[in-house]
Amino acid sequence: MAVHVHTIHAHGEIHATPADVWPVLTDVGRHSEILGSVTRSELLTDGPYDVGTRWRESRHLFDHKGVEELEVVELNPGIHTTHRTKLGHDVIDIAYNLSALRSGTRVSITATAHMEGRGPLDHLAWRAFGGFDQHQTRQMFEKDIDDFAAEVARHTQPSGS
């Protein structure tokens, strides 16, 4: 059976250094406090954020509302991380990249859905409705970047402000 791949890109700028953004981005146990799209987050592993870190969160992603278990599958600390989740037969990788800019940090998010084990009717439905859902998911990621920026700002404000 063929594997169909669908990709969504989003990016934005946070007015702080990558060193200030990274700890907020990787604080996955607090994502429900940081991200408006996440209603619940729970760490499933102990220790620092690293390849193999797993957590469960409730959010809306690729037309799926519910609880997903995610795992860190790639990590270049301070620069790049990829989270993986499985939804039915689909595998979704969400890659986060941080790039230093003069004015702050560019945050790029790329979500790639590898869809396998779907029948012809499933693929027809994706072609009919998937574009709308991709637009909503891109907007959610753009809002996530804004939410990360707000949390970074709370942590980087000088005392007494």
C-alpha atoms as a PDB file:
ATOM      1  CA  MET A   1       0.000   0.000   0.000  1.00  0.00           C
ATOM      2  CA  ALA A   2       1.310   3.451  -0.899  1.00  0.00           C
ATOM      3  CA  VAL A   3       2.419   5.951   1.708  1.00  0.00           C
ATOM      4  CA  HIS A   4       1.065   9.459   1.222  1.00  0.00           C
ATOM      5  CA  VAL A   5       2.990  12.336   2.774  1.00  0.00           C
ATOM      6  CA  HIS A   6       1.451  15.688   3.688  1.00  0.00           C
ATOM      7  CA  THR A   7       3.518  18.567   5.032  1.00  0.00           C
ATOM      8  CA  ILE A   8       2.618  21.821   6.787  1.00  0.00           C
ATOM      9  CA  HIS A   9       5.052  24.681   7.410  1.00  0.00           C
ATOM     10  CA  ALA A  10       4.694  27.581   9.830  1.00  0.00           C
ATOM     11  CA  HIS A  11       7.166  30.127  11.114  1.00  0.00           C
ATOM     12  CA  GLY A  12       7.379  33.247  13.193  1.00  0.00           C
ATOM     13  CA  GLU A  13       9.767  35.424  15.116  1.00  0.00           C
ATOM     14  CA  ILE A  14      10.295  35.662  18.854  1.00  0.00           C
ATOM     15  CA  HIS A  15      12.135  38.745  20.138  1.00  0.00           C
ATOM     16  CA  ALA A  16      14.576  36.826  22.320  1.00  0.00           C
ATOM     17  CA  THR A  17      17.683  34.724  21.824  1.00  0.00           C
ATOM     18  CA  PRO A  18      17.483  31.038  20.908  1.00  0.00           C
ATOM     19  CA  ALA A  19      18.945  30.341  24.389  1.00  0.00           C
ATOM     20  CA  ASP A  20      15.857  32.036  25.890  1.00  0.00           C
ATOM     21  CA  VAL A  21      13.389  30.300  23.533  1.00  0.00           C
ATOM     22  CA  TRP A  22      14.764  26.746  23.824  1.00  0.00           C
ATOM     23  CA  PRO A  23      13.831  26.063  27.494  1.00  0.00           C
ATOM     24  CA  VAL A  24      10.236  27.200  26.876  1.00  0.00           C
ATOM     25  CA  LEU A  25       9.901  25.164  23.675  1.00  0.00           C
ATOM     26  CA  THR A  26      11.194  22.023  25.382  1.00  0.00           C
ATOM     27  CA  ASP A  27       9.194  22.378  28.614  1.00  0.00           C
ATOM     28  CA  VAL A  28       6.740  19.785  27.270  1.00  0.00           C
ATOM     29  CA  GLY A  29       5.293  18.947  30.685  1.00  0.00           C
ATOM     30  CA  ARG A  30       4.026  22.547  30.900  1.00  0.00           C
ATOM     31  CA  HIS A  31       2.697  22.858  27.342  1.00  0.00           C
ATOM     32  CA  SER A  32      -0.871  22.975  28.677  1.00  0.00           C
ATOM     33  CA  GLU A  33       0.098  26.131  30.612  1.00  0.00           C
ATOM     34  CA  ILE A  34       2.038  27.660  27.701  1.00  0.00           C
ATOM     35  CA  LEU A  35       0.053  26.746  24.561  1.00  0.00           C
ATOM     36  CA  GLY A  36      -3.583  27.663  24.090  1.00  0.00           C
ATOM     37  CA  SER A  37      -4.086  24.652  21.772  1.00  0.00           C
ATOM     38  CA  VAL A  38      -3.004  22.152  24.462  1.00  0.00           C
ATOM     39  CA  THR A  39      -5.544  21.449  27.185  1.00  0.00           C
ATOM     40  CA  ARG A  40      -3.512  18.852  29.088  1.00  0.00           C
ATOM     41  CA  SER A  41       0.130  17.722  29.146  1.00  0.00           C
ATOM     42  CA  GLU A  42       1.727  14.998  31.241  1.00  0.00           C
ATOM     43  CA  LEU A  43       5.348  13.834  31.238  1.00  0.00           C
ATOM     44  CA  LEU A  44       5.708  10.047  30.948  1.00  0.00           C
ATOM     45  CA  THR A  45       9.491   9.842  31.381  1.00  0.00           C
ATOM     46  CA  ASP A  46      11.888  11.164  34.002  1.00  0.00           C
ATOM     47  CA  GLY A  47      15.024  13.179  33.434  1.00  0.00           C
ATOM     48  CA  PRO A  48      15.952  16.084  31.192  1.00  0.00           C
ATOM     49  CA  TYR A  49      14.471  16.726  27.741  1.00  0.00           C
ATOM     50  CA  ASP A  50      16.316  14.374  25.379  1.00  0.00           C
ATOM     51  CA  VAL A  51      15.764  11.789  22.640  1.00  0.00           C
ATOM     52  CA  GLY A  52      13.315   9.309  24.150  1.00  0.00           C
ATOM     53  CA  THR A  53      11.471  11.872  26.304  1.00  0.00           C
ATOM     54  CA  ARG A  54       7.770  10.990  26.099  1.00  0.00           C
ATOM     55  CA  TRP A  55       4.630  12.852  27.146  1.00  0.00           C
ATOM     56  CA  ARG A  56       0.917  12.785  26.581  1.00  0.00           C
ATOM     57  CA  GLU A  57      -1.048  15.858  25.570  1.00  0.00           C
ATOM     58  CA  SER A  58      -4.541  16.774  24.484  1.00  0.00           C
ATOM     59  CA  ARG A  59      -4.764  19.056  21.455  1.00  0.00           C
ATOM     60  CA  HIS A  60      -6.168  19.396  17.961  1.00  0.00           C
ATOM     61  CA  LEU A  61      -3.853  18.231  15.175  1.00  0.00           C
ATOM     62  CA  PHE A  62      -4.552  17.152  11.574  1.00  0.00           C
ATOM     63  CA  ASP A  63      -8.329  17.033  12.181  1.00  0.00           C
ATOM     64  CA  HIS A  64      -7.812  14.865  15.252  1.00  0.00           C
ATOM     65  CA  LYS A  65      -9.007  16.026  18.643  1.00  0.00           C
ATOM     66  CA  GLY A  66      -7.869  13.899  21.478  1.00  0.00           C
ATOM     67  CA  VAL A  67      -4.934  12.613  23.420  1.00  0.00           C
ATOM     68  CA  GLU A  68      -1.648  11.881  21.673  1.00  0.00           C
ATOM     69  CA  GLU A  69       1.509  10.387  23.050  1.00  0.00           C
ATOM     70  CA  LEU A  70       4.574  12.163  21.711  1.00  0.00           C
ATOM     71  CA  GLU A  71       8.257  11.281  21.805  1.00  0.00           C
ATOM     72  CA  VAL A  72      11.418  13.241  21.060  1.00  0.00           C
ATOM     73  CA  VAL A  73      13.058  11.429  18.132  1.00  0.00           C
ATOM     74  CA  GLU A  74      15.669  14.011  17.056  1.00  0.00           C
ATOM     75  CA  LEU A  75      17.584  16.567  19.038  1.00  0.00           C
ATOM     76  CA  ASN A  76      20.273  19.150  18.375  1.00  0.00           C
ATOM     77  CA  PRO A  77      20.038  21.144  21.644  1.00  0.00           C
ATOM     78  CA  GLY A  78      19.252  24.817  21.213  1.00  0.00           C
ATOM     79  CA  ILE A  79      18.679  24.458  17.470  1.00  0.00           C
ATOM     80  CA  HIS A  80      16.394  21.584  16.462  1.00  0.00           C
ATOM     81  CA  THR A  81      14.049  18.952  17.860  1.00  0.00           C
ATOM     82  CA  THR A  82      11.503  16.599  16.338  1.00  0.00           C
ATOM     83  CA  HIS A  83       8.486  15.124  18.128  1.00  0.00           C
ATOM     84  CA  ARG A  84       6.734  12.021  16.769  1.00  0.00           C
ATOM     85  CA  THR A  85       3.210  10.799  17.380  1.00  0.00           C
ATOM     86  CA  LYS A  86       1.033   8.092  15.852  1.00  0.00           C
ATOM     87  CA  LEU A  87      -2.614   8.623  14.993  1.00  0.00           C
ATOM     88  CA  GLY A  88      -4.092   5.327  13.852  1.00  0.00           C
ATOM     89  CA  HIS A  89      -1.880   4.141  10.993  1.00  0.00           C
ATOM     90  CA  ASP A  90      -0.434   7.630  10.444  1.00  0.00           C
ATOM     91  CA  VAL A  91       2.917   8.789  11.798  1.00  0.00           C
ATOM     92  CA  ILE A  92       3.303  12.523  12.341  1.00  0.00           C
ATOM     93  CA  ASP A  93       6.671  14.203  12.846  1.00  0.00           C
ATOM     94  CA  ILE A  94       6.711  17.782  14.096  1.00  0.00           C
ATOM     95  CA  ALA A  95      10.108  19.453  13.660  1.00  0.00           C
ATOM     96  CA  TYR A  96      11.029  22.694  15.432  1.00  0.00           C
ATOM     97  CA  ASN A  97      14.012  24.738  14.236  1.00  0.00           C
ATOM     98  CA  LEU A  98      15.434  27.844  15.905  1.00  0.00           C
ATOM     99  CA  SER A  99      17.572  30.301  13.911  1.00  0.00           C
ATOM    100  CA  ALA A 100      19.224  33.357  15.417  1.00  0.00           C
ATOM    101  CA  LEU A 101      18.294  36.688  13.857  1.00  0.00           C
ATOM    102  CA  ARG A 102      19.517  40.177  14.721  1.00  0.00           C
ATOM    103  CA  SER A 103      16.114  40.927  16.199  1.00  0.00           C
ATOM    104  CA  GLY A 104      15.549  37.597  17.931  1.00  0.00           C
ATOM    105  CA  THR A 105      14.829  34.023  16.908  1.00  0.00           C
ATOM    106  CA  ARG A 106      13.055  32.596  13.890  1.00  0.00           C
ATOM    107  CA  VAL A 107      10.973  29.586  14.934  1.00  0.00           C
ATOM    108  CA  SER A 108      10.098  27.229  12.086  1.00  0.00           C
ATOM    109  CA  ILE A 109       7.689  24.337  12.518  1.00  0.00           C
ATOM    110  CA  THR A 110       7.302  21.601   9.928  1.00  0.00           C
ATOM    111  CA  ALA A 111       4.703  18.887  10.488  1.00  0.00           C
ATOM    112  CA  THR A 112       4.885  15.877   8.208  1.00  0.00           C
ATOM    113  CA  ALA A 113       2.137  13.251   8.180  1.00  0.00           C
ATOM    114  CA  HIS A 114       3.106   9.862   6.750  1.00  0.00           C
ATOM    115  CA  MET A 115      -0.222   8.253   5.925  1.00  0.00           C
ATOM    116  CA  GLU A 116      -0.161   4.523   5.358  1.00  0.00           C
ATOM    117  CA  GLY A 117      -2.684   1.754   5.689  1.00  0.00           C
ATOM    118  CA  ARG A 118      -5.485   3.933   4.341  1.00  0.00           C
ATOM    119  CA  GLY A 119      -7.899   2.791   1.689  1.00  0.00           C
ATOM    120  CA  PRO A 120      -8.908   4.648  -1.489  1.00  0.00           C
ATOM    121  CA  LEU A 121     -11.944   6.276   0.198  1.00  0.00           C
ATOM    122  CA  ASP A 122      -9.734   7.612   3.000  1.00  0.00           C
ATOM    123  CA  HIS A 123      -7.390   9.208   0.445  1.00  0.00           C
ATOM    124  CA  LEU A 124     -10.332  10.674  -1.465  1.00  0.00           C
ATOM    125  CA  ALA A 125     -11.666  12.208   1.770  1.00  0.00           C
ATOM    126  CA  TRP A 126      -8.211  13.667   2.537  1.00  0.00           C
ATOM    127  CA  ARG A 127      -8.019  15.230  -0.928  1.00  0.00           C
ATOM    128  CA  ALA A 128     -11.500  16.712  -0.456  1.00  0.00           C
ATOM    129  CA  PHE A 129     -11.114  18.049   3.099  1.00  0.00           C
ATOM    130  CA  GLY A 130      -7.402  17.927   3.956  1.00  0.00           C
ATOM    131  CA  GLY A 131      -6.553  21.366   2.556  1.00  0.00           C
ATOM    132  CA  PHE A 132      -8.955  23.082   4.947  1.00  0.00           C
ATOM    133  CA  ASP A 133      -7.547  21.115   7.874  1.00  0.00           C
ATOM    134  CA  GLN A 134      -3.979  21.942   6.829  1.00  0.00           C
ATOM    135  CA  HIS A 135      -4.878  25.644   6.929  1.00  0.00           C
ATOM    136  CA  GLN A 136      -6.300  25.262  10.451  1.00  0.00           C
ATOM    137  CA  THR A 137      -3.255  23.309  11.610  1.00  0.00           C
ATOM    138  CA  ARG A 138      -0.888  25.972  10.183  1.00  0.00           C
ATOM    139  CA  GLN A 139      -2.865  28.635  12.069  1.00  0.00           C
ATOM    140  CA  MET A 140      -2.597  26.553  15.259  1.00  0.00           C
ATOM    141  CA  PHE A 141       1.205  26.330  14.866  1.00  0.00           C
ATOM    142  CA  GLU A 142       1.430  30.083  14.225  1.00  0.00           C
ATOM    143  CA  LYS A 143      -0.587  30.643  17.420  1.00  0.00           C
ATOM    144  CA  ASP A 144       1.736  28.215  19.245  1.00  0.00           C
ATOM    145  CA  ILE A 145       4.698  30.400  18.217  1.00  0.00           C
ATOM    146  CA  ASP A 146       2.871  33.459  19.602  1.00  0.00           C
ATOM    147  CA  ASP A 147       2.190  31.536  22.832  1.00  0.00           C
ATOM    148  CA  PHE A 148       5.866  30.528  23.095  1.00  0.00           C
ATOM    149  CA  ALA A 149       6.817  34.190  22.561  1.00  0.00           C
ATOM    150  CA  ALA A 150       4.497  35.329  25.366  1.00  0.00           C
ATOM    151  CA  GLU A 151       5.978  32.756  27.750  1.00  0.00           C
ATOM    152  CA  VAL A 152       9.546  33.705  26.786  1.00  0.00           C
ATOM    153  CA  ALA A 153       8.683  37.366  27.417  1.00  0.00           C
ATOM    154  CA  ARG A 154       7.397  36.483  30.912  1.00  0.00           C
ATOM    155  CA  HIS A 155      10.723  34.774  31.678  1.00  0.00           C
ATOM    156  CA  THR A 156      13.011  37.421  30.171  1.00  0.00           C
ATOM    157  CA  GLN A 157      11.437  40.620  31.521  1.00  0.00           C
ATOM    158  CA  PRO A 158      13.783  42.505  33.830  1.00  0.00           C
ATOM    159  CA  SER A 159      12.787  42.378  37.501  1.00  0.00           C
ATOM    160  CA  GLY A 160      10.610  45.193  38.617  1.00  0.00           C
ATOM    161  CA  SER A 161       8.907  45.542  35.201  1.00  0.00           C
END
